[in-house]
């Protein structure tokens, strides 16, 4: 498989995972950590780390906003139990 096609597929899959988690607000981060060993915060951290590898700085709040679909503080207030 060509590298650019592979990258497009991986990117689309990542976005699909993020959208799935945005729609499953009933699933708490602690549940994800206990079952899968990662959570939404992990995804935002990985997103930031990968950006840094190519000299792009993304703040923690901006990375979390990308994953949560809203500011993290807002998500916590509305959905964290």
C-alpha atoms as a PDB file:
ATOM      1  CA  UNK A   1       0.000   0.000   0.000  1.00  0.00           C
ATOM      2  CA  UNK A   2       1.271   3.452  -0.850  1.00  0.00           C
ATOM      3  CA  UNK A   3       2.384   5.487   2.163  1.00  0.00           C
ATOM      4  CA  UNK A   4       0.101   8.450   1.418  1.00  0.00           C
ATOM      5  CA  UNK A   5      -2.943   6.172   1.175  1.00  0.00           C
ATOM      6  CA  UNK A   6      -1.948   4.414   4.397  1.00  0.00           C
ATOM      7  CA  UNK A   7      -1.618   7.803   6.132  1.00  0.00           C
ATOM      8  CA  UNK A   8      -5.034   8.925   4.866  1.00  0.00           C
ATOM      9  CA  UNK A   9      -6.642   5.723   6.137  1.00  0.00           C
ATOM     10  CA  UNK A  10      -4.961   6.020   9.521  1.00  0.00           C
ATOM     11  CA  UNK A  11      -5.996   9.651   9.820  1.00  0.00           C
ATOM     12  CA  UNK A  12      -9.603   8.865   8.929  1.00  0.00           C
ATOM     13  CA  UNK A  13      -9.626   5.991  11.418  1.00  0.00           C
ATOM     14  CA  UNK A  14      -8.274   8.239  14.173  1.00  0.00           C
ATOM     15  CA  UNK A  15     -10.955  10.856  13.451  1.00  0.00           C
ATOM     16  CA  UNK A  16     -13.600   8.141  13.475  1.00  0.00           C
ATOM     17  CA  UNK A  17     -12.398   6.950  16.889  1.00  0.00           C
ATOM     18  CA  UNK A  18     -12.500  10.503  18.223  1.00  0.00           C
ATOM     19  CA  UNK A  19     -16.030  11.031  16.875  1.00  0.00           C
ATOM     20  CA  UNK A  20     -17.125   7.739  18.398  1.00  0.00           C
ATOM     21  CA  UNK A  21     -15.788   8.807  21.800  1.00  0.00           C
ATOM     22  CA  UNK A  22     -17.423  12.233  21.445  1.00  0.00           C
ATOM     23  CA  UNK A  23     -20.757  10.490  20.909  1.00  0.00           C
ATOM     24  CA  UNK A  24     -20.210   8.106  23.834  1.00  0.00           C
ATOM     25  CA  UNK A  25     -20.169  10.678  26.599  1.00  0.00           C
ATOM     26  CA  UNK A  26     -21.590   8.007  28.892  1.00  0.00           C
ATOM     27  CA  UNK A  27     -18.230   6.214  28.802  1.00  0.00           C
ATOM     28  CA  UNK A  28     -16.005   7.784  31.431  1.00  0.00           C
ATOM     29  CA  UNK A  29     -12.249   8.134  31.026  1.00  0.00           C
ATOM     30  CA  UNK A  30     -11.682   5.894  34.039  1.00  0.00           C
ATOM     31  CA  UNK A  31     -13.714   3.171  32.300  1.00  0.00           C
ATOM     32  CA  UNK A  32     -11.544   3.487  29.205  1.00  0.00           C
ATOM     33  CA  UNK A  33      -8.363   3.374  31.300  1.00  0.00           C
ATOM     34  CA  UNK A  34      -9.510   0.291  33.192  1.00  0.00           C
ATOM     35  CA  UNK A  35     -10.582  -1.594  30.076  1.00  0.00           C
ATOM     36  CA  UNK A  36      -8.268  -0.363  27.327  1.00  0.00           C
ATOM     37  CA  UNK A  37      -5.312   1.237  29.081  1.00  0.00           C
ATOM     38  CA  UNK A  38      -5.895   4.645  27.468  1.00  0.00           C
ATOM     39  CA  UNK A  39      -8.459   7.429  27.581  1.00  0.00           C
ATOM     40  CA  UNK A  40      -9.405  10.648  25.815  1.00  0.00           C
ATOM     41  CA  UNK A  41      -6.647  12.509  27.643  1.00  0.00           C
ATOM     42  CA  UNK A  42      -4.114   9.951  26.405  1.00  0.00           C
ATOM     43  CA  UNK A  43      -5.308  10.526  22.832  1.00  0.00           C
ATOM     44  CA  UNK A  44      -4.888  14.273  23.191  1.00  0.00           C
ATOM     45  CA  UNK A  45      -1.398  13.777  24.636  1.00  0.00           C
ATOM     46  CA  UNK A  46      -0.417  11.466  21.772  1.00  0.00           C
ATOM     47  CA  UNK A  47      -1.835  13.986  19.278  1.00  0.00           C
ATOM     48  CA  UNK A  48       0.309  16.733  20.818  1.00  0.00           C
ATOM     49  CA  UNK A  49       3.408  14.508  20.881  1.00  0.00           C
ATOM     50  CA  UNK A  50       3.044  13.557  17.214  1.00  0.00           C
ATOM     51  CA  UNK A  51       2.641  17.219  16.268  1.00  0.00           C
ATOM     52  CA  UNK A  52       5.802  18.074  18.171  1.00  0.00           C
ATOM     53  CA  UNK A  53       7.732  15.450  16.154  1.00  0.00           C
ATOM     54  CA  UNK A  54       7.097  17.546  13.057  1.00  0.00           C
ATOM     55  CA  UNK A  55       7.773  20.861  14.812  1.00  0.00           C
ATOM     56  CA  UNK A  56       4.150  21.835  15.366  1.00  0.00           C
ATOM     57  CA  UNK A  57       3.297  23.106  18.822  1.00  0.00           C
ATOM     58  CA  UNK A  58      -0.218  22.356  20.033  1.00  0.00           C
ATOM     59  CA  UNK A  59      -1.232  23.399  23.518  1.00  0.00           C
ATOM     60  CA  UNK A  60      -2.725  20.872  25.894  1.00  0.00           C
ATOM     61  CA  UNK A  61      -6.102  22.689  25.928  1.00  0.00           C
ATOM     62  CA  UNK A  62      -6.193  22.788  22.106  1.00  0.00           C
ATOM     63  CA  UNK A  63      -5.325  19.101  21.806  1.00  0.00           C
ATOM     64  CA  UNK A  64      -8.001  18.186  24.325  1.00  0.00           C
ATOM     65  CA  UNK A  65     -10.533  20.380  22.517  1.00  0.00           C
ATOM     66  CA  UNK A  66      -9.780  18.441  19.329  1.00  0.00           C
ATOM     67  CA  UNK A  67     -10.415  15.127  21.064  1.00  0.00           C
ATOM     68  CA  UNK A  68     -13.380  16.164  23.219  1.00  0.00           C
ATOM     69  CA  UNK A  69     -15.040  18.410  20.633  1.00  0.00           C
ATOM     70  CA  UNK A  70     -15.271  21.187  23.227  1.00  0.00           C
ATOM     71  CA  UNK A  71     -13.046  22.678  25.904  1.00  0.00           C
ATOM     72  CA  UNK A  72     -12.053  20.015  28.426  1.00  0.00           C
ATOM     73  CA  UNK A  73     -13.374  22.033  31.373  1.00  0.00           C
ATOM     74  CA  UNK A  74     -16.782  22.205  29.684  1.00  0.00           C
ATOM     75  CA  UNK A  75     -16.796  18.460  28.992  1.00  0.00           C
ATOM     76  CA  UNK A  76     -15.863  17.693  32.601  1.00  0.00           C
ATOM     77  CA  UNK A  77     -18.628  19.940  33.911  1.00  0.00           C
ATOM     78  CA  UNK A  78     -21.267  18.421  31.641  1.00  0.00           C
ATOM     79  CA  UNK A  79     -20.316  14.747  31.454  1.00  0.00           C
ATOM     80  CA  UNK A  80     -17.773  13.639  34.043  1.00  0.00           C
ATOM     81  CA  UNK A  81     -19.364  11.728  36.892  1.00  0.00           C
END
